[in-house]
N, C-alpha and C. Protein backbone atom coordinates (compact mmCIF):
# COMPACT_ATOMS: atom_id res chain seq x y z
N MET A 1 21.04 -19.58 50.02
CA MET A 1 20.62 -19.88 48.89
C MET A 1 19.11 -19.93 48.90
N LEU A 2 18.39 -20.09 50.14
CA LEU A 2 16.96 -19.81 50.29
C LEU A 2 16.51 -18.39 49.89
N LEU A 3 17.37 -17.24 50.28
CA LEU A 3 16.85 -16.00 49.87
C LEU A 3 16.99 -15.85 48.43
N TYR A 4 17.93 -16.50 47.68
CA TYR A 4 17.94 -16.41 46.37
C TYR A 4 16.62 -17.10 45.83
N LYS A 5 16.40 -18.21 46.13
CA LYS A 5 15.23 -18.77 45.66
C LYS A 5 13.82 -18.04 45.84
N GLN A 6 13.73 -17.31 47.09
CA GLN A 6 12.66 -16.36 47.24
C GLN A 6 12.51 -15.31 46.47
N ASP A 7 13.90 -14.78 46.12
CA ASP A 7 13.86 -13.61 45.16
C ASP A 7 13.43 -14.18 43.73
N LYS A 8 13.99 -15.22 43.30
CA LYS A 8 13.65 -15.71 42.05
C LYS A 8 11.99 -15.91 41.91
N LEU A 9 11.48 -16.46 42.94
CA LEU A 9 9.92 -16.68 43.02
C LEU A 9 9.30 -15.25 42.96
N SER A 10 9.85 -14.34 43.70
CA SER A 10 9.28 -12.84 43.85
C SER A 10 9.33 -12.44 42.21
N GLN A 11 10.36 -12.43 41.54
CA GLN A 11 10.54 -11.87 40.11
C GLN A 11 9.70 -12.56 39.26
N LEU A 12 9.51 -13.83 39.53
CA LEU A 12 8.52 -14.50 38.79
C LEU A 12 6.70 -14.15 38.84
N GLU A 13 6.68 -13.96 40.06
CA GLU A 13 5.48 -13.29 40.54
C GLU A 13 5.16 -12.01 39.79
N GLU A 14 6.30 -11.14 39.89
CA GLU A 14 6.04 -9.98 39.08
C GLU A 14 5.77 -10.00 37.82
N GLN A 15 6.55 -11.02 36.98
CA GLN A 15 6.38 -11.23 35.66
C GLN A 15 5.09 -11.54 35.59
N LEU A 16 4.40 -12.46 36.09
CA LEU A 16 2.89 -13.05 36.17
C LEU A 16 1.98 -11.66 36.32
N GLU A 17 2.26 -11.03 37.37
CA GLU A 17 1.25 -9.88 37.59
C GLU A 17 1.16 -8.89 36.34
N HIS A 18 2.52 -8.74 35.88
CA HIS A 18 2.62 -7.62 34.28
C HIS A 18 1.76 -8.50 33.36
N ILE A 19 1.89 -9.74 33.10
CA ILE A 19 1.26 -10.60 32.09
C ILE A 19 -0.22 -10.35 32.25
N ASP A 20 -0.66 -10.47 33.48
CA ASP A 20 -2.18 -10.35 33.83
C ASP A 20 -2.65 -8.98 33.63
N ARG A 21 -2.01 -7.79 33.92
CA ARG A 21 -2.23 -6.43 33.65
C ARG A 21 -2.35 -6.31 32.27
N GLU A 22 -1.48 -6.84 31.36
CA GLU A 22 -1.53 -6.55 30.03
C GLU A 22 -2.61 -7.46 29.36
N GLU A 23 -3.15 -8.64 29.76
CA GLU A 23 -4.05 -9.46 29.12
C GLU A 23 -5.19 -8.60 28.61
N PRO A 24 -5.39 -8.97 27.38
CA PRO A 24 -6.66 -8.05 26.71
C PRO A 24 -7.81 -8.73 26.76
N LYS A 25 -7.83 -10.12 27.18
CA LYS A 25 -9.17 -10.80 27.41
C LYS A 25 -9.45 -11.00 28.83
N VAL A 26 -10.60 -11.46 29.05
CA VAL A 26 -10.99 -11.57 30.44
C VAL A 26 -10.40 -12.82 30.79
N LEU A 27 -9.85 -12.75 32.19
CA LEU A 27 -9.00 -13.82 32.75
C LEU A 27 -9.87 -14.88 33.25
N PHE A 28 -9.37 -16.19 32.69
CA PHE A 28 -10.13 -17.23 33.26
C PHE A 28 -9.13 -18.04 34.14
N LEU A 29 -8.62 -17.42 35.39
CA LEU A 29 -7.58 -17.97 36.35
C LEU A 29 -8.03 -19.32 36.91
N GLY A 30 -9.17 -19.60 36.87
CA GLY A 30 -9.70 -20.88 37.51
C GLY A 30 -9.62 -21.84 36.77
N ASN A 31 -9.43 -21.69 35.40
CA ASN A 31 -9.45 -23.03 34.20
C ASN A 31 -8.15 -22.64 33.45
N TYR A 32 -7.10 -23.28 33.91
CA TYR A 32 -5.70 -23.25 33.27
C TYR A 32 -5.69 -23.75 31.74
N ARG A 33 -6.72 -24.96 31.43
CA ARG A 33 -6.72 -25.33 30.22
C ARG A 33 -7.39 -24.35 29.11
N ARG A 34 -8.40 -23.53 29.73
CA ARG A 34 -8.81 -22.53 28.70
C ARG A 34 -8.04 -21.45 28.50
N ASP A 35 -7.00 -21.17 29.16
CA ASP A 35 -6.06 -20.01 29.24
C ASP A 35 -5.00 -20.23 27.96
N ASP A 36 -5.18 -19.45 26.93
CA ASP A 36 -4.44 -19.59 25.64
C ASP A 36 -3.25 -18.60 25.61
N ASN A 37 -2.92 -18.03 26.94
CA ASN A 37 -1.68 -16.99 26.85
C ASN A 37 -0.66 -17.86 27.15
N ILE A 38 0.22 -17.87 25.97
CA ILE A 38 1.56 -18.60 26.20
C ILE A 38 2.47 -18.22 27.29
N ALA A 39 2.56 -16.86 27.20
CA ALA A 39 3.58 -16.32 28.28
C ALA A 39 3.22 -16.59 29.84
N ARG A 40 1.65 -16.47 30.02
CA ARG A 40 1.34 -16.80 31.22
C ARG A 40 1.75 -18.39 31.80
N LYS A 41 1.28 -19.19 30.58
CA LYS A 41 1.65 -20.65 31.01
C LYS A 41 3.12 -21.08 31.16
N GLN A 42 3.93 -20.24 30.41
CA GLN A 42 5.22 -20.46 30.79
C GLN A 42 5.80 -19.90 32.09
N VAL A 43 5.21 -18.78 32.36
CA VAL A 43 5.68 -18.32 33.78
C VAL A 43 5.07 -19.17 34.98
N LEU A 44 3.95 -19.58 34.75
CA LEU A 44 3.39 -20.51 35.78
C LEU A 44 4.26 -21.77 35.81
N GLU A 45 4.72 -22.39 34.75
CA GLU A 45 5.35 -23.45 34.89
C GLU A 45 6.80 -23.35 35.46
N GLU A 46 7.43 -21.87 35.22
CA GLU A 46 8.67 -21.71 35.81
C GLU A 46 8.36 -21.39 37.29
N ILE A 47 7.39 -20.94 37.65
CA ILE A 47 6.89 -20.69 39.31
C ILE A 47 6.67 -22.11 39.92
N ASP A 48 6.21 -22.97 39.14
CA ASP A 48 5.88 -24.40 39.69
C ASP A 48 7.14 -24.94 39.94
N THR A 49 8.28 -24.98 38.93
CA THR A 49 9.59 -25.54 39.13
C THR A 49 10.23 -24.83 40.25
N ALA A 50 10.22 -23.48 40.12
CA ALA A 50 10.98 -22.83 41.32
C ALA A 50 10.35 -22.97 42.75
N LEU A 51 9.07 -23.30 42.89
CA LEU A 51 8.49 -23.50 44.34
C LEU A 51 8.80 -25.05 44.47
N ALA A 52 8.88 -25.95 43.62
CA ALA A 52 9.56 -27.45 43.92
C ALA A 52 10.86 -27.39 44.37
N GLU A 53 11.81 -26.47 43.87
CA GLU A 53 13.05 -26.37 44.26
C GLU A 53 13.37 -25.76 45.49
N TYR A 54 12.42 -24.56 45.92
CA TYR A 54 12.65 -23.92 46.96
C TYR A 54 12.13 -24.87 48.12
N GLY A 55 10.83 -25.63 47.99
CA GLY A 55 10.57 -26.69 48.84
C GLY A 55 11.67 -27.76 49.12
N ARG A 56 12.34 -28.36 48.12
CA ARG A 56 13.30 -29.24 48.52
C ARG A 56 14.55 -28.67 49.35
N LEU A 57 14.93 -27.45 48.94
CA LEU A 57 15.91 -26.86 49.54
C LEU A 57 15.67 -26.53 51.09
N ARG A 58 14.40 -25.97 51.22
CA ARG A 58 13.73 -25.67 52.55
C ARG A 58 13.58 -26.80 53.46
N PHE A 59 13.23 -28.01 52.89
CA PHE A 59 12.91 -28.98 53.82
C PHE A 59 14.11 -30.03 53.91
N TYR A 60 14.96 -29.80 52.96
CA TYR A 60 16.26 -30.90 52.98
C TYR A 60 16.92 -31.22 54.35
N PRO A 61 17.34 -29.90 54.95
CA PRO A 61 17.77 -30.28 56.27
C PRO A 61 16.96 -30.97 57.23
N LEU A 62 15.83 -30.64 57.21
CA LEU A 62 14.92 -31.42 58.07
C LEU A 62 14.88 -32.97 57.77
N SER A 63 14.85 -33.20 56.44
CA SER A 63 14.93 -34.57 56.15
C SER A 63 16.22 -35.18 56.44
N SER A 64 17.35 -34.47 56.42
CA SER A 64 18.71 -35.12 56.87
C SER A 64 18.60 -35.46 58.20
N VAL A 65 18.23 -34.52 59.25
CA VAL A 65 18.35 -34.74 60.63
C VAL A 65 17.39 -35.94 60.72
N THR A 66 16.23 -36.11 60.27
CA THR A 66 15.28 -37.07 60.65
C THR A 66 15.98 -38.30 60.13
N ILE A 67 16.55 -38.47 59.08
CA ILE A 67 17.31 -39.66 58.57
C ILE A 67 18.44 -40.22 59.59
N PHE A 68 19.28 -39.00 59.92
CA PHE A 68 20.32 -39.26 60.91
C PHE A 68 19.81 -39.77 62.27
N LYS A 69 18.59 -39.16 62.88
CA LYS A 69 18.03 -39.52 64.03
C LYS A 69 17.55 -41.15 63.89
N GLU A 70 16.97 -41.37 62.75
CA GLU A 70 16.42 -42.73 62.55
C GLU A 70 17.72 -43.85 62.62
N ALA A 71 18.60 -43.52 61.89
CA ALA A 71 19.97 -44.43 61.89
C ALA A 71 20.59 -44.50 63.19
N LEU A 72 20.56 -43.37 63.98
CA LEU A 72 21.29 -43.36 65.30
C LEU A 72 20.42 -44.30 66.10
N ALA A 73 18.82 -44.11 66.30
CA ALA A 73 18.02 -44.80 66.90
C ALA A 73 18.31 -46.43 66.63
N LYS A 74 18.33 -46.70 65.29
CA LYS A 74 18.42 -48.01 64.93
C LYS A 74 19.68 -48.65 65.36
N GLU A 75 20.86 -47.91 65.26
CA GLU A 75 22.11 -48.35 65.73
C GLU A 75 22.05 -48.70 67.36
N LYS A 76 21.26 -47.78 68.12
CA LYS A 76 21.31 -47.93 69.36
C LYS A 76 20.65 -49.41 69.70
N TYR A 77 19.37 -49.50 68.92
CA TYR A 77 18.47 -50.45 69.11
C TYR A 77 19.25 -51.78 68.80
N ASP A 78 20.09 -51.79 67.74
CA ASP A 78 20.81 -53.15 67.37
C ASP A 78 21.80 -53.34 68.43
N ARG A 79 22.46 -52.58 69.00
CA ARG A 79 23.51 -52.66 70.14
C ARG A 79 22.65 -53.19 71.55
N PHE A 80 21.55 -52.76 71.61
CA PHE A 80 20.73 -53.49 72.89
C PHE A 80 20.32 -54.68 72.64
N THR A 81 19.91 -54.92 71.39
CA THR A 81 19.17 -56.31 71.26
C THR A 81 20.30 -57.31 70.83
N SER A 82 21.64 -56.87 70.81
CA SER A 82 22.62 -58.15 70.20
C SER A 82 23.15 -58.64 71.61
């Protein structure tokens, strides 16, 4: 699944590069609000969503392990103090 998400991000980056190459105006990449290219804004929003999904998937196993370890430690502590 991670490879799929990485490939999706790569495709979105290619779309963004294409949009930037075809842009007739001088780019204001540092000022999102001044950019009136609808296609660029849409792709940037898709990239933002895809990055969030990738991050959740990428770090989910770590979160699960941490939660499990904390629960196990609490269980041991509860047994020790009972």
